[in-house]
């Protein structure tokens, strides 16, 4: 719609036009996974729809916990996706679903690794357990399972799955997932859910009552710092490999930049997760563009 006084197209009309040009999976990612939508835009056009299908699939399995009332129902939904993946690899017709169909096409067109899908779904079963992880190592394992296989699949779609890029994917996946968990702490606290590991809670004096009341006590901030420290170490490990990673892999690894910026904001806030540091970064797309220009992640 044009503004008659200026002759310019209104922002709302431009947004509608952009949305109308997106595929269903791209639209899902644009609405529900801003980080990965922006990352995918830096991939070559011929690989972009495969990435959108992967990221939409990830959204579907990540939201299972919030979409069911009983763990058994969550297991049923995850099993549905296991069977959809089995059909994709077995040569059967894809299930009629707005994500399953393009995902099947991506799997077959790019020869994506089946084991990565299995790991993602297996890790999401952990979401159905209300108990916090017992140790920081267990939380890192969960972070790896829910994030790193997705980056490995993206690397395969980009034709950049070298041993070095896959190794970096593991480190970046853990760092990005841990950072994401910290960013989600206000939401989790309001829902009465904690992902602070038991060993970190004991060491720092973390108190669940303070956490659910959104009180940023010293103990809470120390617990958050411990998780953030783990994320930083994994980022450092990934960046130590930069020289050996092909440029074609960069669009799959840009989540490292998002995690690094979020961790810097968190540190400046004294590791207070309720200070607003988890809110969207309005300059994120520019930061990603600069990273691509410099060929860095």
C-alpha atoms as a PDB file:
ATOM      1  CA  UNK A   1       0.000   0.000   0.000  1.00  0.00           C
ATOM      2  CA  UNK A   2       1.380   3.419  -0.954  1.00  0.00           C
ATOM      3  CA  UNK A   3       1.319   6.557   1.134  1.00  0.00           C
ATOM      4  CA  UNK A   4      -0.326   9.052  -1.253  1.00  0.00           C
ATOM      5  CA  UNK A   5       1.474  12.014   0.279  1.00  0.00           C
ATOM      6  CA  UNK A   6       4.946  10.579  -0.292  1.00  0.00           C
ATOM      7  CA  UNK A   7       4.419   7.963  -2.980  1.00  0.00           C
ATOM      8  CA  UNK A   8       6.333   5.493  -0.848  1.00  0.00           C
ATOM      9  CA  UNK A   9       5.268   1.993   0.096  1.00  0.00           C
ATOM     10  CA  UNK A  10       4.268   1.716   3.750  1.00  0.00           C
ATOM     11  CA  UNK A  11       6.517  -0.473   5.958  1.00  0.00           C
ATOM     12  CA  UNK A  12       3.617  -2.798   6.790  1.00  0.00           C
ATOM     13  CA  UNK A  13       2.988  -3.347   3.076  1.00  0.00           C
ATOM     14  CA  UNK A  14       6.679  -4.030   2.467  1.00  0.00           C
ATOM     15  CA  UNK A  15       6.690  -6.589   5.288  1.00  0.00           C
ATOM     16  CA  UNK A  16       3.607  -8.264   3.830  1.00  0.00           C
ATOM     17  CA  UNK A  17       5.275  -8.396   0.423  1.00  0.00           C
ATOM     18  CA  UNK A  18       8.398  -9.996   1.880  1.00  0.00           C
ATOM     19  CA  UNK A  19       6.339 -12.555   3.797  1.00  0.00           C
ATOM     20  CA  UNK A  20       4.358 -13.433   0.680  1.00  0.00           C
ATOM     21  CA  UNK A  21       7.580 -14.210  -1.191  1.00  0.00           C
ATOM     22  CA  UNK A  22       8.789 -16.688   1.436  1.00  0.00           C
ATOM     23  CA  UNK A  23       8.211 -20.424   1.308  1.00  0.00           C
ATOM     24  CA  UNK A  24       6.194 -21.942   4.186  1.00  0.00           C
ATOM     25  CA  UNK A  25       9.333 -23.224   5.925  1.00  0.00           C
ATOM     26  CA  UNK A  26      11.126 -19.888   5.490  1.00  0.00           C
ATOM     27  CA  UNK A  27       8.136 -18.108   6.995  1.00  0.00           C
ATOM     28  CA  UNK A  28       8.126 -20.462   9.993  1.00  0.00           C
ATOM     29  CA  UNK A  29      11.790 -19.750  10.623  1.00  0.00           C
ATOM     30  CA  UNK A  30      11.341 -16.008  10.110  1.00  0.00           C
ATOM     31  CA  UNK A  31       8.572 -15.896  12.714  1.00  0.00           C
ATOM     32  CA  UNK A  32       9.913 -18.366  15.272  1.00  0.00           C
ATOM     33  CA  UNK A  33      13.702 -18.466  14.917  1.00  0.00           C
ATOM     34  CA  UNK A  34      15.033 -15.003  14.136  1.00  0.00           C
ATOM     35  CA  UNK A  35      18.673 -15.978  14.653  1.00  0.00           C
ATOM     36  CA  UNK A  36      18.691 -18.812  12.154  1.00  0.00           C
ATOM     37  CA  UNK A  37      16.530 -16.937   9.667  1.00  0.00           C
ATOM     38  CA  UNK A  38      19.109 -14.163   9.521  1.00  0.00           C
ATOM     39  CA  UNK A  39      21.960 -16.682   9.308  1.00  0.00           C
ATOM     40  CA  UNK A  40      20.326 -18.554   6.416  1.00  0.00           C
ATOM     41  CA  UNK A  41      20.145 -15.375   4.348  1.00  0.00           C
ATOM     42  CA  UNK A  42      23.941 -15.431   4.030  1.00  0.00           C
ATOM     43  CA  UNK A  43      23.928 -18.890   2.449  1.00  0.00           C
ATOM     44  CA  UNK A  44      24.033 -19.368  -1.332  1.00  0.00           C
ATOM     45  CA  UNK A  45      20.559 -19.199  -2.859  1.00  0.00           C
ATOM     46  CA  UNK A  46      20.676 -22.819  -4.000  1.00  0.00           C
ATOM     47  CA  UNK A  47      21.130 -24.058  -0.404  1.00  0.00           C
ATOM     48  CA  UNK A  48      18.839 -21.625   1.380  1.00  0.00           C
ATOM     49  CA  UNK A  49      15.585 -23.592   1.167  1.00  0.00           C
ATOM     50  CA  UNK A  50      17.315 -26.690   2.546  1.00  0.00           C
ATOM     51  CA  UNK A  51      18.492 -24.626   5.510  1.00  0.00           C
ATOM     52  CA  UNK A  52      15.006 -23.235   6.065  1.00  0.00           C
ATOM     53  CA  UNK A  53      13.623 -26.795   6.027  1.00  0.00           C
ATOM     54  CA  UNK A  54      16.226 -27.903   8.592  1.00  0.00           C
ATOM     55  CA  UNK A  55      15.576 -24.939  10.859  1.00  0.00           C
ATOM     56  CA  UNK A  56      11.797 -25.350  10.597  1.00  0.00           C
ATOM     57  CA  UNK A  57      12.193 -29.015  11.542  1.00  0.00           C
ATOM     58  CA  UNK A  58      14.281 -27.947  14.524  1.00  0.00           C
ATOM     59  CA  UNK A  59      11.535 -25.550  15.582  1.00  0.00           C
ATOM     60  CA  UNK A  60       8.950 -28.319  15.337  1.00  0.00           C
ATOM     61  CA  UNK A  61      10.828 -30.667  17.669  1.00  0.00           C
ATOM     62  CA  UNK A  62      12.017 -27.904  20.010  1.00  0.00           C
ATOM     63  CA  UNK A  63       8.452 -26.788  20.704  1.00  0.00           C
ATOM     64  CA  UNK A  64       7.162 -30.253  21.565  1.00  0.00           C
ATOM     65  CA  UNK A  65       7.572 -29.758  25.310  1.00  0.00           C
ATOM     66  CA  UNK A  66       5.538 -26.540  25.324  1.00  0.00           C
ATOM     67  CA  UNK A  67       2.815 -27.985  23.097  1.00  0.00           C
ATOM     68  CA  UNK A  68       1.858 -31.026  25.213  1.00  0.00           C
ATOM     69  CA  UNK A  69       0.591 -31.529  28.730  1.00  0.00           C
ATOM     70  CA  UNK A  70       1.973 -35.005  29.326  1.00  0.00           C
ATOM     71  CA  UNK A  71       5.429 -36.445  28.529  1.00  0.00           C
ATOM     72  CA  UNK A  72       3.828 -39.424  26.761  1.00  0.00           C
ATOM     73  CA  UNK A  73       2.184 -37.094  24.239  1.00  0.00           C
ATOM     74  CA  UNK A  74       5.555 -35.495  23.652  1.00  0.00           C
ATOM     75  CA  UNK A  75       7.092 -38.897  23.005  1.00  0.00           C
ATOM     76  CA  UNK A  76       4.357 -39.602  20.461  1.00  0.00           C
ATOM     77  CA  UNK A  77       5.092 -36.373  18.599  1.00  0.00           C
ATOM     78  CA  UNK A  78       8.816 -37.051  18.537  1.00  0.00           C
ATOM     79  CA  UNK A  79       8.126 -40.581  17.299  1.00  0.00           C
ATOM     80  CA  UNK A  80       6.069 -39.080  14.478  1.00  0.00           C
ATOM     81  CA  UNK A  81       9.143 -37.164  13.390  1.00  0.00           C
ATOM     82  CA  UNK A  82      11.325 -40.274  13.671  1.00  0.00           C
ATOM     83  CA  UNK A  83       8.958 -42.044  11.310  1.00  0.00           C
ATOM     84  CA  UNK A  84       8.915 -39.052   8.930  1.00  0.00           C
ATOM     85  CA  UNK A  85      12.729 -39.155   8.822  1.00  0.00           C
ATOM     86  CA  UNK A  86      12.646 -42.928   8.292  1.00  0.00           C
ATOM     87  CA  UNK A  87      10.302 -42.415   5.339  1.00  0.00           C
ATOM     88  CA  UNK A  88      12.641 -39.818   3.850  1.00  0.00           C
ATOM     89  CA  UNK A  89      15.555 -42.224   3.917  1.00  0.00           C
ATOM     90  CA  UNK A  90      13.495 -45.257   2.976  1.00  0.00           C
ATOM     91  CA  UNK A  91      12.296 -43.818  -0.303  1.00  0.00           C
ATOM     92  CA  UNK A  92       8.664 -43.663   0.795  1.00  0.00           C
ATOM     93  CA  UNK A  93       6.439 -40.718  -0.141  1.00  0.00           C
ATOM     94  CA  UNK A  94       6.940 -37.855   2.333  1.00  0.00           C
ATOM     95  CA  UNK A  95       4.326 -37.310   4.985  1.00  0.00           C
ATOM     96  CA  UNK A  96       1.871 -34.583   4.090  1.00  0.00           C
ATOM     97  CA  UNK A  97       3.112 -31.825   6.346  1.00  0.00           C
ATOM     98  CA  UNK A  98       4.359 -28.308   5.574  1.00  0.00           C
ATOM     99  CA  UNK A  99       7.763 -29.091   7.086  1.00  0.00           C
ATOM    100  CA  UNK A 100       8.110 -32.841   6.465  1.00  0.00           C
ATOM    101  CA  UNK A 101       7.745 -32.473   2.692  1.00  0.00           C
ATOM    102  CA  UNK A 102      10.488 -29.860   2.103  1.00  0.00           C
ATOM    103  CA  UNK A 103      12.650 -31.581   4.708  1.00  0.00           C
ATOM    104  CA  UNK A 104      12.399 -34.841   2.767  1.00  0.00           C
ATOM    105  CA  UNK A 105      13.358 -32.984  -0.393  1.00  0.00           C
ATOM    106  CA  UNK A 106      16.387 -31.463   1.353  1.00  0.00           C
ATOM    107  CA  UNK A 107      17.502 -34.834   2.726  1.00  0.00           C
ATOM    108  CA  UNK A 108      17.359 -36.435  -0.702  1.00  0.00           C
ATOM    109  CA  UNK A 109      18.842 -33.525  -2.633  1.00  0.00           C
ATOM    110  CA  UNK A 110      21.818 -32.993  -0.334  1.00  0.00           C
ATOM    111  CA  UNK A 111      22.439 -36.486   1.042  1.00  0.00           C
ATOM    112  CA  UNK A 112      22.050 -35.300   4.635  1.00  0.00           C
ATOM    113  CA  UNK A 113      23.323 -37.556   7.413  1.00  0.00           C
ATOM    114  CA  UNK A 114      20.623 -39.597   9.120  1.00  0.00           C
ATOM    115  CA  UNK A 115      22.511 -39.880  12.419  1.00  0.00           C
ATOM    116  CA  UNK A 116      22.263 -36.124  12.973  1.00  0.00           C
ATOM    117  CA  UNK A 117      18.468 -36.231  12.900  1.00  0.00           C
ATOM    118  CA  UNK A 118      18.465 -39.156  15.316  1.00  0.00           C
ATOM    119  CA  UNK A 119      20.668 -37.222  17.736  1.00  0.00           C
ATOM    120  CA  UNK A 120      18.484 -34.106  17.570  1.00  0.00           C
ATOM    121  CA  UNK A 121      15.301 -36.032  18.325  1.00  0.00           C
ATOM    122  CA  UNK A 122      16.966 -38.070  21.069  1.00  0.00           C
ATOM    123  CA  UNK A 123      18.220 -34.891  22.762  1.00  0.00           C
ATOM    124  CA  UNK A 124      14.752 -33.342  22.639  1.00  0.00           C
ATOM    125  CA  UNK A 125      13.420 -36.218  24.710  1.00  0.00           C
ATOM    126  CA  UNK A 126      15.372 -34.642  27.558  1.00  0.00           C
ATOM    127  CA  UNK A 127      12.992 -31.666  27.387  1.00  0.00           C
ATOM    128  CA  UNK A 128      10.194 -33.898  28.627  1.00  0.00           C
ATOM    129  CA  UNK A 129      11.993 -34.446  31.951  1.00  0.00           C
ATOM    130  CA  UNK A 130      11.269 -31.714  34.508  1.00  0.00           C
ATOM    131  CA  UNK A 131      14.386 -32.387  36.587  1.00  0.00           C
ATOM    132  CA  UNK A 132      17.420 -30.137  36.027  1.00  0.00           C
ATOM    133  CA  UNK A 133      20.597 -31.785  34.708  1.00  0.00           C
ATOM    134  CA  UNK A 134      22.742 -33.379  37.404  1.00  0.00           C
ATOM    135  CA  UNK A 135      26.023 -31.839  36.265  1.00  0.00           C
ATOM    136  CA  UNK A 136      27.417 -29.131  34.036  1.00  0.00           C
ATOM    137  CA  UNK A 137      28.803 -31.905  31.829  1.00  0.00           C
ATOM    138  CA  UNK A 138      25.260 -33.276  31.424  1.00  0.00           C
ATOM    139  CA  UNK A 139      24.017 -29.807  30.447  1.00  0.00           C
ATOM    140  CA  UNK A 140      26.815 -29.533  27.881  1.00  0.00           C
ATOM    141  CA  UNK A 141      25.811 -32.917  26.464  1.00  0.00           C
ATOM    142  CA  UNK A 142      22.217 -31.714  26.149  1.00  0.00           C
ATOM    143  CA  UNK A 143      23.428 -28.500  24.499  1.00  0.00           C
ATOM    144  CA  UNK A 144      25.516 -30.486  22.038  1.00  0.00           C
ATOM    145  CA  UNK A 145      22.622 -32.775  21.153  1.00  0.00           C
ATOM    146  CA  UNK A 146      20.082 -30.015  20.586  1.00  0.00           C
ATOM    147  CA  UNK A 147      22.296 -27.722  18.530  1.00  0.00           C
ATOM    148  CA  UNK A 148      25.487 -29.206  17.073  1.00  0.00           C
ATOM    149  CA  UNK A 149      23.799 -31.826  14.819  1.00  0.00           C
ATOM    150  CA  UNK A 150      21.747 -29.042  13.237  1.00  0.00           C
ATOM    151  CA  UNK A 151      24.924 -27.141  12.360  1.00  0.00           C
ATOM    152  CA  UNK A 152      26.452 -30.338  10.948  1.00  0.00           C
ATOM    153  CA  UNK A 153      23.387 -30.801   8.745  1.00  0.00           C
ATOM    154  CA  UNK A 154      23.681 -27.189   7.579  1.00  0.00           C
ATOM    155  CA  UNK A 155      27.321 -27.807   6.698  1.00  0.00           C
ATOM    156  CA  UNK A 156      26.284 -30.829   4.638  1.00  0.00           C
ATOM    157  CA  UNK A 157      23.648 -28.771   2.824  1.00  0.00           C
ATOM    158  CA  UNK A 158      26.346 -26.207   2.041  1.00  0.00           C
ATOM    159  CA  UNK A 159      28.777 -28.860   0.821  1.00  0.00           C
ATOM    160  CA  UNK A 160      31.248 -27.760   3.508  1.00  0.00           C
ATOM    161  CA  UNK A 161      31.268 -30.663   5.968  1.00  0.00           C
ATOM    162  CA  UNK A 162      35.039 -30.983   6.338  1.00  0.00           C
ATOM    163  CA  UNK A 163      36.523 -32.617   9.458  1.00  0.00           C
ATOM    164  CA  UNK A 164      37.579 -29.195  10.738  1.00  0.00           C
ATOM    165  CA  UNK A 165      34.203 -27.535  10.156  1.00  0.00           C
ATOM    166  CA  UNK A 166      32.392 -30.456  11.780  1.00  0.00           C
ATOM    167  CA  UNK A 167      34.665 -30.194  14.818  1.00  0.00           C
ATOM    168  CA  UNK A 168      33.933 -26.479  15.041  1.00  0.00           C
ATOM    169  CA  UNK A 169      30.220 -27.240  14.731  1.00  0.00           C
ATOM    170  CA  UNK A 170      30.374 -29.286  17.925  1.00  0.00           C
ATOM    171  CA  UNK A 171      31.958 -26.448  19.900  1.00  0.00           C
ATOM    172  CA  UNK A 172      29.734 -23.745  18.433  1.00  0.00           C
ATOM    173  CA  UNK A 173      26.619 -25.847  18.924  1.00  0.00           C
ATOM    174  CA  UNK A 174      27.340 -26.240  22.625  1.00  0.00           C
ATOM    175  CA  UNK A 175      28.187 -22.558  23.066  1.00  0.00           C
ATOM    176  CA  UNK A 176      25.117 -21.324  21.194  1.00  0.00           C
ATOM    177  CA  UNK A 177      22.739 -23.664  23.034  1.00  0.00           C
ATOM    178  CA  UNK A 178      24.144 -22.769  26.460  1.00  0.00           C
ATOM    179  CA  UNK A 179      23.863 -19.090  25.620  1.00  0.00           C
ATOM    180  CA  UNK A 180      20.314 -19.649  24.426  1.00  0.00           C
ATOM    181  CA  UNK A 181      19.417 -21.330  27.698  1.00  0.00           C
ATOM    182  CA  UNK A 182      20.733 -18.323  29.605  1.00  0.00           C
ATOM    183  CA  UNK A 183      18.784 -15.942  27.380  1.00  0.00           C
ATOM    184  CA  UNK A 184      15.645 -18.002  28.077  1.00  0.00           C
ATOM    185  CA  UNK A 185      16.080 -18.007  31.859  1.00  0.00           C
ATOM    186  CA  UNK A 186      13.432 -15.318  32.501  1.00  0.00           C
ATOM    187  CA  UNK A 187      10.886 -17.329  30.519  1.00  0.00           C
ATOM    188  CA  UNK A 188      11.885 -20.575  32.218  1.00  0.00           C
ATOM    189  CA  UNK A 189      11.791 -18.956  35.652  1.00  0.00           C
ATOM    190  CA  UNK A 190       8.228 -17.772  35.138  1.00  0.00           C
ATOM    191  CA  UNK A 191       7.304 -21.325  34.111  1.00  0.00           C
ATOM    192  CA  UNK A 192       9.013 -22.764  37.191  1.00  0.00           C
ATOM    193  CA  UNK A 193      11.620 -24.617  35.156  1.00  0.00           C
ATOM    194  CA  UNK A 194      15.351 -24.561  35.805  1.00  0.00           C
ATOM    195  CA  UNK A 195      18.216 -25.841  33.687  1.00  0.00           C
ATOM    196  CA  UNK A 196      20.903 -24.862  36.223  1.00  0.00           C
ATOM    197  CA  UNK A 197      22.783 -28.122  36.893  1.00  0.00           C
ATOM    198  CA  UNK A 198      22.629 -29.573  40.386  1.00  0.00           C
ATOM    199  CA  UNK A 199      26.399 -29.454  40.876  1.00  0.00           C
ATOM    200  CA  UNK A 200      26.522 -25.770  39.883  1.00  0.00           C
ATOM    201  CA  UNK A 201      23.558 -25.040  42.183  1.00  0.00           C
ATOM    202  CA  UNK A 202      25.318 -26.644  45.151  1.00  0.00           C
ATOM    203  CA  UNK A 203      28.620 -24.912  44.434  1.00  0.00           C
ATOM    204  CA  UNK A 204      27.083 -21.443  44.049  1.00  0.00           C
ATOM    205  CA  UNK A 205      24.262 -21.643  46.602  1.00  0.00           C
ATOM    206  CA  UNK A 206      21.656 -21.229  43.865  1.00  0.00           C
ATOM    207  CA  UNK A 207      18.166 -20.970  45.357  1.00  0.00           C
ATOM    208  CA  UNK A 208      15.180 -21.990  43.249  1.00  0.00           C
ATOM    209  CA  UNK A 209      12.801 -19.747  45.204  1.00  0.00           C
ATOM    210  CA  UNK A 210      14.863 -16.647  44.398  1.00  0.00           C
ATOM    211  CA  UNK A 211      15.128 -17.751  40.778  1.00  0.00           C
ATOM    212  CA  UNK A 212      11.388 -18.240  40.253  1.00  0.00           C
ATOM    213  CA  UNK A 213      10.783 -14.887  41.953  1.00  0.00           C
ATOM    214  CA  UNK A 214      13.115 -13.293  39.371  1.00  0.00           C
ATOM    215  CA  UNK A 215      15.552 -12.122  42.045  1.00  0.00           C
ATOM    216  CA  UNK A 216      19.056 -11.732  40.621  1.00  0.00           C
ATOM    217  CA  UNK A 217      20.935 -12.751  43.748  1.00  0.00           C
ATOM    218  CA  UNK A 218      24.698 -13.162  43.910  1.00  0.00           C
ATOM    219  CA  UNK A 219      24.222 -16.940  43.954  1.00  0.00           C
ATOM    220  CA  UNK A 220      22.094 -16.838  40.810  1.00  0.00           C
ATOM    221  CA  UNK A 221      24.580 -14.635  39.001  1.00  0.00           C
ATOM    222  CA  UNK A 222      27.427 -16.938  39.997  1.00  0.00           C
ATOM    223  CA  UNK A 223      25.499 -19.921  38.646  1.00  0.00           C
ATOM    224  CA  UNK A 224      24.838 -18.096  35.369  1.00  0.00           C
ATOM    225  CA  UNK A 225      28.503 -17.130  35.177  1.00  0.00           C
ATOM    226  CA  UNK A 226      29.487 -20.794  35.473  1.00  0.00           C
ATOM    227  CA  UNK A 227      27.291 -21.750  32.521  1.00  0.00           C
ATOM    228  CA  UNK A 228      28.437 -18.707  30.539  1.00  0.00           C
ATOM    229  CA  UNK A 229      32.053 -19.634  31.247  1.00  0.00           C
ATOM    230  CA  UNK A 230      31.482 -23.035  29.701  1.00  0.00           C
ATOM    231  CA  UNK A 231      29.946 -21.422  26.608  1.00  0.00           C
ATOM    232  CA  UNK A 232      32.944 -19.087  26.277  1.00  0.00           C
ATOM    233  CA  UNK A 233      35.410 -21.958  26.493  1.00  0.00           C
ATOM    234  CA  UNK A 234      33.644 -23.809  23.701  1.00  0.00           C
ATOM    235  CA  UNK A 235      33.613 -20.681  21.543  1.00  0.00           C
ATOM    236  CA  UNK A 236      37.340 -20.255  22.090  1.00  0.00           C
ATOM    237  CA  UNK A 237      37.902 -23.876  21.060  1.00  0.00           C
ATOM    238  CA  UNK A 238      35.945 -23.333  17.829  1.00  0.00           C
ATOM    239  CA  UNK A 239      37.771 -20.130  16.969  1.00  0.00           C
ATOM    240  CA  UNK A 240      41.123 -21.831  17.428  1.00  0.00           C
ATOM    241  CA  UNK A 241      40.209 -23.858  14.323  1.00  0.00           C
ATOM    242  CA  UNK A 242      39.318 -20.868  12.119  1.00  0.00           C
ATOM    243  CA  UNK A 243      42.295 -21.068   9.791  1.00  0.00           C
ATOM    244  CA  UNK A 244      41.394 -24.615   8.743  1.00  0.00           C
ATOM    245  CA  UNK A 245      37.733 -23.990   7.944  1.00  0.00           C
ATOM    246  CA  UNK A 246      36.588 -23.282   4.363  1.00  0.00           C
ATOM    247  CA  UNK A 247      34.737 -20.064   3.575  1.00  0.00           C
ATOM    248  CA  UNK A 248      31.784 -22.110   2.323  1.00  0.00           C
ATOM    249  CA  UNK A 249      31.173 -23.251   5.907  1.00  0.00           C
ATOM    250  CA  UNK A 250      30.723 -19.734   7.317  1.00  0.00           C
ATOM    251  CA  UNK A 251      26.929 -19.435   6.862  1.00  0.00           C
ATOM    252  CA  UNK A 252      26.492 -22.528   9.052  1.00  0.00           C
ATOM    253  CA  UNK A 253      28.812 -21.250  11.780  1.00  0.00           C
ATOM    254  CA  UNK A 254      27.577 -17.676  12.240  1.00  0.00           C
ATOM    255  CA  UNK A 255      25.686 -18.600  15.407  1.00  0.00           C
ATOM    256  CA  UNK A 256      29.096 -18.273  17.078  1.00  0.00           C
ATOM    257  CA  UNK A 257      28.860 -14.513  16.521  1.00  0.00           C
ATOM    258  CA  UNK A 258      25.401 -14.378  18.074  1.00  0.00           C
ATOM    259  CA  UNK A 259      26.557 -16.339  21.111  1.00  0.00           C
ATOM    260  CA  UNK A 260      29.683 -14.207  21.550  1.00  0.00           C
ATOM    261  CA  UNK A 261      27.719 -10.960  21.486  1.00  0.00           C
ATOM    262  CA  UNK A 262      25.130 -12.305  23.942  1.00  0.00           C
ATOM    263  CA  UNK A 263      27.890 -13.393  26.325  1.00  0.00           C
ATOM    264  CA  UNK A 264      29.513  -9.944  26.192  1.00  0.00           C
ATOM    265  CA  UNK A 265      26.183  -8.295  27.020  1.00  0.00           C
ATOM    266  CA  UNK A 266      25.660 -10.731  29.867  1.00  0.00           C
ATOM    267  CA  UNK A 267      29.105 -10.060  31.330  1.00  0.00           C
ATOM    268  CA  UNK A 268      28.540  -6.289  31.198  1.00  0.00           C
ATOM    269  CA  UNK A 269      25.295  -6.851  33.129  1.00  0.00           C
ATOM    270  CA  UNK A 270      27.123  -8.724  35.881  1.00  0.00           C
ATOM    271  CA  UNK A 271      25.645 -12.045  34.723  1.00  0.00           C
ATOM    272  CA  UNK A 272      22.156 -10.940  35.684  1.00  0.00           C
ATOM    273  CA  UNK A 273      19.860 -12.940  33.376  1.00  0.00           C
ATOM    274  CA  UNK A 274      16.889 -10.727  34.237  1.00  0.00           C
ATOM    275  CA  UNK A 275      18.542  -7.481  33.099  1.00  0.00           C
ATOM    276  CA  UNK A 276      17.205  -7.647  29.543  1.00  0.00           C
ATOM    277  CA  UNK A 277      20.397  -9.030  28.021  1.00  0.00           C
ATOM    278  CA  UNK A 278      18.407 -11.832  26.406  1.00  0.00           C
ATOM    279  CA  UNK A 279      16.361  -9.434  24.304  1.00  0.00           C
ATOM    280  CA  UNK A 280      16.832  -9.246  20.543  1.00  0.00           C
ATOM    281  CA  UNK A 281      19.856  -7.391  19.222  1.00  0.00           C
ATOM    282  CA  UNK A 282      18.577  -4.807  16.696  1.00  0.00           C
ATOM    283  CA  UNK A 283      21.988  -4.663  15.008  1.00  0.00           C
ATOM    284  CA  UNK A 284      22.399  -8.425  14.714  1.00  0.00           C
ATOM    285  CA  UNK A 285      21.972  -8.666  10.949  1.00  0.00           C
ATOM    286  CA  UNK A 286      24.662  -5.996  10.495  1.00  0.00           C
ATOM    287  CA  UNK A 287      27.015  -7.838  12.836  1.00  0.00           C
ATOM    288  CA  UNK A 288      26.507 -11.017  10.838  1.00  0.00           C
ATOM    289  CA  UNK A 289      27.109  -9.187   7.573  1.00  0.00           C
ATOM    290  CA  UNK A 290      30.348  -7.743   8.951  1.00  0.00           C
ATOM    291  CA  UNK A 291      31.433 -11.204  10.075  1.00  0.00           C
ATOM    292  CA  UNK A 292      30.793 -12.585   6.587  1.00  0.00           C
ATOM    293  CA  UNK A 293      32.690  -9.671   5.040  1.00  0.00           C
ATOM    294  CA  UNK A 294      35.691 -10.421   7.246  1.00  0.00           C
ATOM    295  CA  UNK A 295      35.317 -14.162   6.734  1.00  0.00           C
ATOM    296  CA  UNK A 296      35.189 -14.723  10.480  1.00  0.00           C
ATOM    297  CA  UNK A 297      32.776 -16.466  12.822  1.00  0.00           C
END
